[in-house]
Amino acid sequence: MFHYQVTVEDTKSVLSLNGDLDIDAFETVKEEIMTEQYSTQHVEIDFSRVRFVDSTGIGLLIDLVHHLRNGGKAITIANVSREVQEVFSLLQLADILGKDVFI
């Protein structure tokens, strides 16, 4: 099951994802996360509790990053596990989203 939590730390909002980022997470991301009102100009997406991402999840992540950027937010993606990082590397996600997004 996929869950998320938003916390504010100093000057950034931390969006902590928990669970697999796949087709089952689609509604949560589209209907809740993308409509969330972030009070800071910087949003960090914390992947420390995401162990699996499929093609739907990659599409959701790309949409989410673009949505937040269009809203004037600076985005970083942090704490990506080795397994998920391998998927990101294979798909050259850093080239799509920008290398500065990943910390």
PDB file of N, CA and C in Angstrom:
ATOM      1  N   MET A   1       0.841  -1.176   0.000  1.00  0.00           N
ATOM      2  CA  MET A   1       0.000   0.000   0.000  1.00  0.00           C
ATOM      3  C   MET A   1       0.894   1.250   0.000  1.00  0.00           C
ATOM      4  N   PHE A   2       0.498   2.246  -0.735  1.00  0.00           N
ATOM      5  CA  PHE A   2       1.280   3.470  -0.896  1.00  0.00           C
ATOM      6  C   PHE A   2       0.724   4.571   0.003  1.00  0.00           C
ATOM      7  N   HIS A   3       1.630   5.227   0.708  1.00  0.00           N
ATOM      8  CA  HIS A   3       1.271   6.356   1.569  1.00  0.00           C
ATOM      9  C   HIS A   3       2.281   7.476   1.343  1.00  0.00           C
ATOM     10  N   TYR A   4       1.940   8.648   1.827  1.00  0.00           N
ATOM     11  CA  TYR A   4       2.880   9.763   1.786  1.00  0.00           C
ATOM     12  C   TYR A   4       2.624  10.671   2.983  1.00  0.00           C
ATOM     13  N   GLN A   5       3.618  11.490   3.275  1.00  0.00           N
ATOM     14  CA  GLN A   5       3.502  12.475   4.344  1.00  0.00           C
ATOM     15  C   GLN A   5       4.269  13.707   3.929  1.00  0.00           C
ATOM     16  N   VAL A   6       3.728  14.863   4.261  1.00  0.00           N
ATOM     17  CA  VAL A   6       4.408  16.124   3.983  1.00  0.00           C
ATOM     18  C   VAL A   6       4.745  16.779   5.313  1.00  0.00           C
ATOM     19  N   THR A   7       6.020  17.123   5.484  1.00  0.00           N
ATOM     20  CA  THR A   7       6.454  17.858   6.662  1.00  0.00           C
ATOM     21  C   THR A   7       7.242  19.071   6.196  1.00  0.00           C
ATOM     22  N   VAL A   8       7.242  20.105   7.010  1.00  0.00           N
ATOM     23  CA  VAL A   8       8.001  21.305   6.684  1.00  0.00           C
ATOM     24  C   VAL A   8       9.227  21.346   7.586  1.00  0.00           C
ATOM     25  N   GLU A   9      10.388  21.435   6.953  1.00  0.00           N
ATOM     26  CA  GLU A   9      11.668  21.528   7.657  1.00  0.00           C
ATOM     27  C   GLU A   9      12.359  22.804   7.191  1.00  0.00           C
ATOM     28  N   ASP A  10      12.435  23.769   8.067  1.00  0.00           N
ATOM     29  CA  ASP A  10      13.062  25.052   7.749  1.00  0.00           C
ATOM     30  C   ASP A  10      12.435  25.673   6.501  1.00  0.00           C
ATOM     31  N   THR A  11      13.185  25.685   5.402  1.00  0.00           N
ATOM     32  CA  THR A  11      12.721  26.369   4.194  1.00  0.00           C
ATOM     33  C   THR A  11      12.246  25.410   3.111  1.00  0.00           C
ATOM     34  N   LYS A  12      12.047  24.132   3.460  1.00  0.00           N
ATOM     35  CA  LYS A  12      11.602  23.182   2.445  1.00  0.00           C
ATOM     36  C   LYS A  12      10.484  22.293   2.976  1.00  0.00           C
ATOM     37  N   SER A  13       9.658  21.853   2.055  1.00  0.00           N
ATOM     38  CA  SER A  13       8.643  20.842   2.352  1.00  0.00           C
ATOM     39  C   SER A  13       9.234  19.504   1.957  1.00  0.00           C
ATOM     40  N   VAL A  14       9.122  18.517   2.831  1.00  0.00           N
ATOM     41  CA  VAL A  14       9.621  17.176   2.535  1.00  0.00           C
ATOM     42  C   VAL A  14       8.419  16.279   2.269  1.00  0.00           C
ATOM     43  N   LEU A  15       8.361  15.754   1.053  1.00  0.00           N
ATOM     44  CA  LEU A  15       7.326  14.830   0.645  1.00  0.00           C
ATOM     45  C   LEU A  15       7.909  13.423   0.773  1.00  0.00           C
ATOM     46  N   SER A  16       7.542  12.726   1.840  1.00  0.00           N
ATOM     47  CA  SER A  16       8.064  11.385   2.105  1.00  0.00           C
ATOM     48  C   SER A  16       7.119  10.354   1.510  1.00  0.00           C
ATOM     49  N   LEU A  17       7.633   9.593   0.552  1.00  0.00           N
ATOM     50  CA  LEU A  17       6.855   8.546  -0.088  1.00  0.00           C
ATOM     51  C   LEU A  17       7.117   7.233   0.626  1.00  0.00           C
ATOM     52  N   ASN A  18       6.080   6.404   0.751  1.00  0.00           N
ATOM     53  CA  ASN A  18       6.214   5.136   1.465  1.00  0.00           C
ATOM     54  C   ASN A  18       5.435   4.065   0.702  1.00  0.00           C
ATOM     55  N   GLY A  19       6.166   3.133   0.131  1.00  0.00           N
ATOM     56  CA  GLY A  19       5.545   2.052  -0.628  1.00  0.00           C
ATOM     57  C   GLY A  19       6.051   2.040  -2.056  1.00  0.00           C
ATOM     58  N   ASP A  20       5.464   1.155  -2.845  1.00  0.00           N
ATOM     59  CA  ASP A  20       5.858   1.039  -4.245  1.00  0.00           C
ATOM     60  C   ASP A  20       5.220   2.151  -5.068  1.00  0.00           C
ATOM     61  N   LEU A  21       6.028   2.759  -5.922  1.00  0.00           N
ATOM     62  CA  LEU A  21       5.520   3.790  -6.825  1.00  0.00           C
ATOM     63  C   LEU A  21       5.160   3.092  -8.130  1.00  0.00           C
ATOM     64  N   ASP A  22       3.902   2.649  -8.202  1.00  0.00           N
ATOM     65  CA  ASP A  22       3.436   1.862  -9.332  1.00  0.00           C
ATOM     66  C   ASP A  22       1.990   2.217  -9.640  1.00  0.00           C
ATOM     67  N   ILE A  23       1.315   1.373 -10.408  1.00  0.00           N
ATOM     68  CA  ILE A  23      -0.055   1.655 -10.824  1.00  0.00           C
ATOM     69  C   ILE A  23      -0.986   1.832  -9.618  1.00  0.00           C
ATOM     70  N   ASP A  24      -0.705   1.139  -8.521  1.00  0.00           N
ATOM     71  CA  ASP A  24      -1.544   1.256  -7.323  1.00  0.00           C
ATOM     72  C   ASP A  24      -1.411   2.626  -6.662  1.00  0.00           C
ATOM     73  N   ALA A  25      -0.325   3.328  -6.922  1.00  0.00           N
ATOM     74  CA  ALA A  25      -0.099   4.654  -6.346  1.00  0.00           C
ATOM     75  C   ALA A  25      -0.678   5.764  -7.220  1.00  0.00           C
ATOM     76  N   PHE A  26      -1.159   5.411  -8.391  1.00  0.00           N
ATOM     77  CA  PHE A  26      -1.599   6.394  -9.380  1.00  0.00           C
ATOM     78  C   PHE A  26      -2.608   7.396  -8.807  1.00  0.00           C
ATOM     79  N   GLU A  27      -3.694   6.900  -8.234  1.00  0.00           N
ATOM     80  CA  GLU A  27      -4.733   7.798  -7.719  1.00  0.00           C
ATOM     81  C   GLU A  27      -4.209   8.704  -6.617  1.00  0.00           C
ATOM     82  N   THR A  28      -3.423   8.147  -5.707  1.00  0.00           N
ATOM     83  CA  THR A  28      -2.890   8.944  -4.596  1.00  0.00           C
ATOM     84  C   THR A  28      -2.036  10.082  -5.124  1.00  0.00           C
ATOM     85  N   VAL A  29      -1.168   9.783  -6.072  1.00  0.00           N
ATOM     86  CA  VAL A  29      -0.292  10.828  -6.609  1.00  0.00           C
ATOM     87  C   VAL A  29      -1.105  11.861  -7.373  1.00  0.00           C
ATOM     88  N   LYS A  30      -1.968  11.418  -8.261  1.00  0.00           N
ATOM     89  CA  LYS A  30      -2.728  12.343  -9.106  1.00  0.00           C
ATOM     90  C   LYS A  30      -3.749  13.159  -8.315  1.00  0.00           C
ATOM     91  N   GLU A  31      -4.450  12.518  -7.379  1.00  0.00           N
ATOM     92  CA  GLU A  31      -5.558  13.184  -6.701  1.00  0.00           C
ATOM     93  C   GLU A  31      -5.181  13.853  -5.382  1.00  0.00           C
ATOM     94  N   GLU A  32      -4.103  13.407  -4.756  1.00  0.00           N
ATOM     95  CA  GLU A  32      -3.734  13.973  -3.461  1.00  0.00           C
ATOM     96  C   GLU A  32      -2.415  14.738  -3.511  1.00  0.00           C
ATOM     97  N   ILE A  33      -1.356  14.073  -3.919  1.00  0.00           N
ATOM     98  CA  ILE A  33      -0.030  14.705  -3.880  1.00  0.00           C
ATOM     99  C   ILE A  33       0.038  15.895  -4.824  1.00  0.00           C
ATOM    100  N   MET A  34      -0.519  15.746  -6.023  1.00  0.00           N
ATOM    101  CA  MET A  34      -0.430  16.834  -7.003  1.00  0.00           C
ATOM    102  C   MET A  34      -1.373  17.988  -6.675  1.00  0.00           C
ATOM    103  N   THR A  35      -2.313  17.790  -5.758  1.00  0.00           N
ATOM    104  CA  THR A  35      -3.198  18.876  -5.360  1.00  0.00           C
ATOM    105  C   THR A  35      -2.807  19.457  -4.005  1.00  0.00           C
ATOM    106  N   GLU A  36      -1.783  18.883  -3.381  1.00  0.00           N
ATOM    107  CA  GLU A  36      -1.287  19.353  -2.083  1.00  0.00           C
ATOM    108  C   GLU A  36      -0.788  20.793  -2.218  1.00  0.00           C
ATOM    109  N   GLN A  37      -1.047  21.599  -1.212  1.00  0.00           N
ATOM    110  CA  GLN A  37      -0.548  22.976  -1.190  1.00  0.00           C
ATOM    111  C   GLN A  37       0.756  23.008  -0.386  1.00  0.00           C
ATOM    112  N   TYR A  38       1.851  23.195  -1.066  1.00  0.00           N
ATOM    113  CA  TYR A  38       3.169  23.225  -0.423  1.00  0.00           C
ATOM    114  C   TYR A  38       3.479  24.662  -0.031  1.00  0.00           C
ATOM    115  N   SER A  39       3.791  24.877   1.231  1.00  0.00           N
ATOM    116  CA  SER A  39       3.959  26.231   1.754  1.00  0.00           C
ATOM    117  C   SER A  39       5.345  26.816   1.516  1.00  0.00           C
ATOM    118  N   THR A  40       6.270  26.022   1.015  1.00  0.00           N
ATOM    119  CA  THR A  40       7.631  26.487   0.789  1.00  0.00           C
ATOM    120  C   THR A  40       7.946  26.486  -0.706  1.00  0.00           C
ATOM    121  N   GLN A  41       9.034  27.149  -1.068  1.00  0.00           N
ATOM    122  CA  GLN A  41       9.441  27.205  -2.469  1.00  0.00           C
ATOM    123  C   GLN A  41      10.270  25.995  -2.887  1.00  0.00           C
ATOM    124  N   HIS A  42      10.715  25.201  -1.915  1.00  0.00           N
ATOM    125  CA  HIS A  42      11.531  24.031  -2.205  1.00  0.00           C
ATOM    126  C   HIS A  42      10.785  22.792  -1.718  1.00  0.00           C
ATOM    127  N   VAL A  43      10.650  21.798  -2.588  1.00  0.00           N
ATOM    128  CA  VAL A  43      10.038  20.522  -2.217  1.00  0.00           C
ATOM    129  C   VAL A  43      11.069  19.424  -2.432  1.00  0.00           C
ATOM    130  N   GLU A  44      11.346  18.695  -1.370  1.00  0.00           N
ATOM    131  CA  GLU A  44      12.238  17.538  -1.455  1.00  0.00           C
ATOM    132  C   GLU A  44      11.377  16.286  -1.444  1.00  0.00           C
ATOM    133  N   ILE A  45      11.567  15.430  -2.432  1.00  0.00           N
ATOM    134  CA  ILE A  45      10.849  14.164  -2.506  1.00  0.00           C
ATOM    135  C   ILE A  45      11.763  13.094  -1.926  1.00  0.00           C
ATOM    136  N   ASP A  46      11.368  12.546  -0.784  1.00  0.00           N
ATOM    137  CA  ASP A  46      12.174  11.567  -0.057  1.00  0.00           C
ATOM    138  C   ASP A  46      11.769  10.157  -0.483  1.00  0.00           C
ATOM    139  N   PHE A  47      12.709   9.444  -1.095  1.00  0.00           N
ATOM    140  CA  PHE A  47      12.478   8.096  -1.595  1.00  0.00           C
ATOM    141  C   PHE A  47      13.005   7.017  -0.644  1.00  0.00           C
ATOM    142  N   SER A  48      13.341   7.348   0.584  1.00  0.00           N
ATOM    143  CA  SER A  48      13.972   6.369   1.475  1.00  0.00           C
ATOM    144  C   SER A  48      13.104   5.146   1.746  1.00  0.00           C
ATOM    145  N   ARG A  49      11.789   5.273   1.592  1.00  0.00           N
ATOM    146  CA  ARG A  49      10.893   4.129   1.852  1.00  0.00           C
ATOM    147  C   ARG A  49      10.224   3.614   0.577  1.00  0.00           C
ATOM    148  N   VAL A  50      10.837   3.908  -0.567  1.00  0.00           N
ATOM    149  CA  VAL A  50      10.356   3.379  -1.842  1.00  0.00           C
ATOM    150  C   VAL A  50      11.364   2.343  -2.315  1.00  0.00           C
ATOM    151  N   ARG A  51      10.896   1.115  -2.496  1.00  0.00           N
ATOM    152  CA  ARG A  51      11.786   0.022  -2.909  1.00  0.00           C
ATOM    153  C   ARG A  51      11.552  -0.434  -4.337  1.00  0.00           C
ATOM    154  N   PHE A  52      10.446   0.001  -4.932  1.00  0.00           N
ATOM    155  CA  PHE A  52      10.101  -0.454  -6.281  1.00  0.00           C
ATOM    156  C   PHE A  52       9.422   0.676  -7.040  1.00  0.00           C
ATOM    157  N   VAL A  53       9.827   0.857  -8.299  1.00  0.00           N
ATOM    158  CA  VAL A  53       9.198   1.829  -9.195  1.00  0.00           C
ATOM    159  C   VAL A  53       9.027   1.149 -10.548  1.00  0.00           C
ATOM    160  N   ASP A  54       7.794   1.180 -11.077  1.00  0.00           N
ATOM    161  CA  ASP A  54       7.578   0.636 -12.416  1.00  0.00           C
ATOM    162  C   ASP A  54       7.386   1.777 -13.407  1.00  0.00           C
ATOM    163  N   SER A  55       7.024   1.441 -14.640  1.00  0.00           N
ATOM    164  CA  SER A  55       6.906   2.468 -15.672  1.00  0.00           C
ATOM    165  C   SER A  55       5.827   3.489 -15.340  1.00  0.00           C
ATOM    166  N   THR A  56       4.744   3.058 -14.718  1.00  0.00           N
ATOM    167  CA  THR A  56       3.710   4.006 -14.301  1.00  0.00           C
ATOM    168  C   THR A  56       4.261   4.955 -13.254  1.00  0.00           C
ATOM    169  N   GLY A  57       5.044   4.430 -12.320  1.00  0.00           N
ATOM    170  CA  GLY A  57       5.649   5.255 -11.276  1.00  0.00           C
ATOM    171  C   GLY A  57       6.623   6.271 -11.841  1.00  0.00           C
ATOM    172  N   ILE A  58       7.394   5.869 -12.841  1.00  0.00           N
ATOM    173  CA  ILE A  58       8.317   6.807 -13.493  1.00  0.00           C
ATOM    174  C   ILE A  58       7.521   7.938 -14.132  1.00  0.00           C
ATOM    175  N   GLY A  59       6.445   7.590 -14.827  1.00  0.00           N
ATOM    176  CA  GLY A  59       5.602   8.606 -15.441  1.00  0.00           C
ATOM    177  C   GLY A  59       4.991   9.534 -14.406  1.00  0.00           C
ATOM    178  N   LEU A  60       4.545   8.966 -13.282  1.00  0.00           N
ATOM    179  CA  LEU A  60       3.988   9.783 -12.204  1.00  0.00           C
ATOM    180  C   LEU A  60       5.035  10.740 -11.647  1.00  0.00           C
ATOM    181  N   LEU A  61       6.253  10.245 -11.445  1.00  0.00           N
ATOM    182  CA  LEU A  61       7.320  11.083 -10.902  1.00  0.00           C
ATOM    183  C   LEU A  61       7.649  12.228 -11.859  1.00  0.00           C
ATOM    184  N   ILE A  62       7.744  11.925 -13.134  1.00  0.00           N
ATOM    185  CA  ILE A  62       8.022  12.971 -14.120  1.00  0.00           C
ATOM    186  C   ILE A  62       6.899  14.005 -14.112  1.00  0.00           C
ATOM    187  N   ASP A  63       5.646  13.541 -14.107  1.00  0.00           N
ATOM    188  CA  ASP A  63       4.509  14.464 -14.056  1.00  0.00           C
ATOM    189  C   ASP A  63       4.533  15.318 -12.793  1.00  0.00           C
ATOM    190  N   LEU A  64       4.840  14.684 -11.658  1.00  0.00           N
ATOM    191  CA  LEU A  64       4.874  15.402 -10.387  1.00  0.00           C
ATOM    192  C   LEU A  64       5.949  16.481 -10.389  1.00  0.00           C
ATOM    193  N   VAL A  65       7.135  16.145 -10.850  1.00  0.00           N
ATOM    194  CA  VAL A  65       8.224  17.128 -10.891  1.00  0.00           C
ATOM    195  C   VAL A  65       7.852  18.288 -11.813  1.00  0.00           C
ATOM    196  N   HIS A  66       7.311  17.989 -12.980  1.00  0.00           N
ATOM    197  CA  HIS A  66       6.907  19.056 -13.903  1.00  0.00           C
ATOM    198  C   HIS A  66       5.794  19.910 -13.309  1.00  0.00           C
ATOM    199  N   HIS A  67       4.832  19.282 -12.658  1.00  0.00           N
ATOM    200  CA  HIS A  67       3.733  20.001 -12.021  1.00  0.00           C
ATOM    201  C   HIS A  67       4.261  20.963 -10.952  1.00  0.00           C
ATOM    202  N   LEU A  68       5.158  20.485 -10.105  1.00  0.00           N
ATOM    203  CA  LEU A  68       5.707  21.329  -9.042  1.00  0.00           C
ATOM    204  C   LEU A  68       6.554  22.457  -9.617  1.00  0.00           C
ATOM    205  N   ARG A  69       7.349  22.153 -10.623  1.00  0.00           N
ATOM    206  CA  ARG A  69       8.151  23.205 -11.267  1.00  0.00           C
ATOM    207  C   ARG A  69       7.266  24.272 -11.900  1.00  0.00           C
ATOM    208  N   ASN A  70       6.193  23.842 -12.537  1.00  0.00           N
ATOM    209  CA  ASN A  70       5.268  24.804 -13.138  1.00  0.00           C
ATOM    210  C   ASN A  70       4.618  25.678 -12.080  1.00  0.00           C
ATOM    211  N   GLY A  71       4.558  25.186 -10.845  1.00  0.00           N
ATOM    212  CA  GLY A  71       4.034  25.965  -9.735  1.00  0.00           C
ATOM    213  C   GLY A  71       5.098  26.812  -9.056  1.00  0.00           C
ATOM    214  N   GLY A  72       6.291  26.859  -9.649  1.00  0.00           N
ATOM    215  CA  GLY A  72       7.364  27.705  -9.128  1.00  0.00           C
ATOM    216  C   GLY A  72       8.194  27.085  -8.028  1.00  0.00           C
ATOM    217  N   LYS A  73       8.102  25.780  -7.849  1.00  0.00           N
ATOM    218  CA  LYS A  73       8.849  25.107  -6.783  1.00  0.00           C
ATOM    219  C   LYS A  73      10.189  24.579  -7.300  1.00  0.00           C
ATOM    220  N   ALA A  74      11.206  24.658  -6.451  1.00  0.00           N
ATOM    221  CA  ALA A  74      12.476  23.989  -6.702  1.00  0.00           C
ATOM    222  C   ALA A  74      12.325  22.563  -6.178  1.00  0.00           C
ATOM    223  N   ILE A  75      12.816  21.583  -6.919  1.00  0.00           N
ATOM    224  CA  ILE A  75      12.606  20.174  -6.587  1.00  0.00           C
ATOM    225  C   ILE A  75      13.934  19.468  -6.409  1.00  0.00           C
ATOM    226  N   THR A  76      13.989  18.636  -5.372  1.00  0.00           N
ATOM    227  CA  THR A  76      15.091  17.688  -5.230  1.00  0.00           C
ATOM    228  C   THR A  76      14.509  16.329  -4.889  1.00  0.00           C
ATOM    229  N   ILE A  77      15.220  15.296  -5.305  1.00  0.00           N
ATOM    230  CA  ILE A  77      14.849  13.917  -4.998  1.00  0.00           C
ATOM    231  C   ILE A  77      15.993  13.335  -4.187  1.00  0.00           C
ATOM    232  N   ALA A  78      15.666  12.812  -2.999  1.00  0.00           N
ATOM    233  CA  ALA A  78      16.706  12.372  -2.067  1.00  0.00           C
ATOM    234  C   ALA A  78      16.468  10.941  -1.597  1.00  0.00           C
ATOM    235  N   ASN A  79      17.533  10.339  -1.109  1.00  0.00           N
ATOM    236  CA  ASN A  79      17.504   9.044  -0.420  1.00  0.00           C
ATOM    237  C   ASN A  79      16.956   7.919  -1.288  1.00  0.00           C
ATOM    238  N   VAL A  80      17.404   7.865  -2.523  1.00  0.00           N
ATOM    239  CA  VAL A  80      16.958   6.833  -3.454  1.00  0.00           C
ATOM    240  C   VAL A  80      17.758   5.563  -3.198  1.00  0.00           C
ATOM    241  N   SER A  81      17.042   4.437  -3.021  1.00  0.00           N
ATOM    242  CA  SER A  81      17.716   3.161  -2.779  1.00  0.00           C
ATOM    243  C   SER A  81      18.503   2.736  -4.016  1.00  0.00           C
ATOM    244  N   ARG A  82      19.412   1.823  -3.831  1.00  0.00           N
ATOM    245  CA  ARG A  82      20.241   1.338  -4.931  1.00  0.00           C
ATOM    246  C   ARG A  82      19.370   0.704  -6.023  1.00  0.00           C
ATOM    247  N   GLU A  83      18.357  -0.069  -5.622  1.00  0.00           N
ATOM    248  CA  GLU A  83      17.493  -0.740  -6.593  1.00  0.00           C
ATOM    249  C   GLU A  83      16.731   0.271  -7.456  1.00  0.00           C
ATOM    250  N   VAL A  84      16.170   1.270  -6.811  1.00  0.00           N
ATOM    251  CA  VAL A  84      15.425   2.292  -7.542  1.00  0.00           C
ATOM    252  C   VAL A  84      16.372   3.153  -8.373  1.00  0.00           C
ATOM    253  N   GLN A  85      17.546   3.437  -7.841  1.00  0.00           N
ATOM    254  CA  GLN A  85      18.531   4.224  -8.582  1.00  0.00           C
ATOM    255  C   GLN A  85      18.947   3.517  -9.864  1.00  0.00           C
ATOM    256  N   GLU A  86      19.019   2.193  -9.836  1.00  0.00           N
ATOM    257  CA  GLU A  86      19.353   1.440 -11.041  1.00  0.00           C
ATOM    258  C   GLU A  86      18.293   1.651 -12.122  1.00  0.00           C
ATOM    259  N   VAL A  87      17.033   1.636 -11.733  1.00  0.00           N
ATOM    260  CA  VAL A  87      15.943   1.895 -12.686  1.00  0.00           C
ATOM    261  C   VAL A  87      16.054   3.314 -13.227  1.00  0.00           C
ATOM    262  N   PHE A  88      16.273   4.281 -12.333  1.00  0.00           N
ATOM    263  CA  PHE A  88      16.424   5.674 -12.764  1.00  0.00           C
ATOM    264  C   PHE A  88      17.583   5.813 -13.749  1.00  0.00           C
ATOM    265  N   SER A  89      18.684   5.125 -13.484  1.00  0.00           N
ATOM    266  CA  SER A  89      19.858   5.205 -14.366  1.00  0.00           C
ATOM    267  C   SER A  89      19.579   4.577 -15.726  1.00  0.00           C
ATOM    268  N   LEU A  90      18.939   3.403 -15.717  1.00  0.00           N
ATOM    269  CA  LEU A  90      18.616   2.730 -16.979  1.00  0.00           C
ATOM    270  C   LEU A  90      17.736   3.601 -17.866  1.00  0.00           C
ATOM    271  N   LEU A  91      16.830   4.331 -17.249  1.00  0.00           N
ATOM    272  CA  LEU A  91      15.910   5.183 -18.001  1.00  0.00           C
ATOM    273  C   LEU A  91      16.445   6.597 -18.212  1.00  0.00           C
ATOM    274  N   GLN A  92      17.655   6.845 -17.730  1.00  0.00           N
ATOM    275  CA  GLN A  92      18.315   8.141 -17.851  1.00  0.00           C
ATOM    276  C   GLN A  92      17.429   9.263 -17.323  1.00  0.00           C
ATOM    277  N   LEU A  93      16.841   9.012 -16.152  1.00  0.00           N
ATOM    278  CA  LEU A  93      15.918   9.970 -15.552  1.00  0.00           C
ATOM    279  C   LEU A  93      16.601  11.292 -15.206  1.00  0.00           C
ATOM    280  N   ALA A  94      17.879  11.246 -14.858  1.00  0.00           N
ATOM    281  CA  ALA A  94      18.602  12.485 -14.559  1.00  0.00           C
ATOM    282  C   ALA A  94      18.687  13.381 -15.791  1.00  0.00           C
ATOM    283  N   ASP A  95      18.768  12.783 -16.966  1.00  0.00           N
ATOM    284  CA  ASP A  95      18.790  13.579 -18.197  1.00  0.00           C
ATOM    285  C   ASP A  95      17.420  14.193 -18.477  1.00  0.00           C
ATOM    286  N   ILE A  96      16.368  13.504 -18.086  1.00  0.00           N
ATOM    287  CA  ILE A  96      15.006  13.991 -18.319  1.00  0.00           C
ATOM    288  C   ILE A  96      14.641  15.098 -17.331  1.00  0.00           C
ATOM    289  N   LEU A  97      14.932  14.857 -16.049  1.00  0.00           N
ATOM    290  CA  LEU A  97      14.538  15.799 -14.999  1.00  0.00           C
ATOM    291  C   LEU A  97      15.605  16.830 -14.677  1.00  0.00           C
ATOM    292  N   GLY A  98      16.845  16.535 -15.037  1.00  0.00           N
ATOM    293  CA  GLY A  98      17.966  17.400 -14.707  1.00  0.00           C
ATOM    294  C   GLY A  98      18.801  16.791 -13.586  1.00  0.00           C
ATOM    295  N   LYS A  99      20.082  16.809 -13.789  1.00  0.00           N
ATOM    296  CA  LYS A  99      20.984  16.201 -12.811  1.00  0.00           C
ATOM    297  C   LYS A  99      20.932  16.902 -11.448  1.00  0.00           C
ATOM    298  N   ASP A 100      20.560  18.181 -11.445  1.00  0.00           N
ATOM    299  CA  ASP A 100      20.504  18.955 -10.207  1.00  0.00           C
ATOM    300  C   ASP A 100      19.360  18.512  -9.297  1.00  0.00           C
ATOM    301  N   VAL A 101      18.421  17.723  -9.804  1.00  0.00           N
ATOM    302  CA  VAL A 101      17.283  17.274  -9.017  1.00  0.00           C
ATOM    303  C   VAL A 101      17.704  16.218  -7.994  1.00  0.00           C
ATOM    304  N   PHE A 102      18.660  15.393  -8.339  1.00  0.00           N
ATOM    305  CA  PHE A 102      19.048  14.283  -7.473  1.00  0.00           C
ATOM    306  C   PHE A 102      20.154  14.671  -6.518  1.00  0.00           C
ATOM    307  N   ILE A 103      19.897  14.443  -5.222  1.00  0.00           N
ATOM    308  CA  ILE A 103      20.930  14.735  -4.223  1.00  0.00           C
ATOM    309  C   ILE A 103      21.315  13.477  -3.486  1.00  0.00           C
TER     310      ILE A 103
END
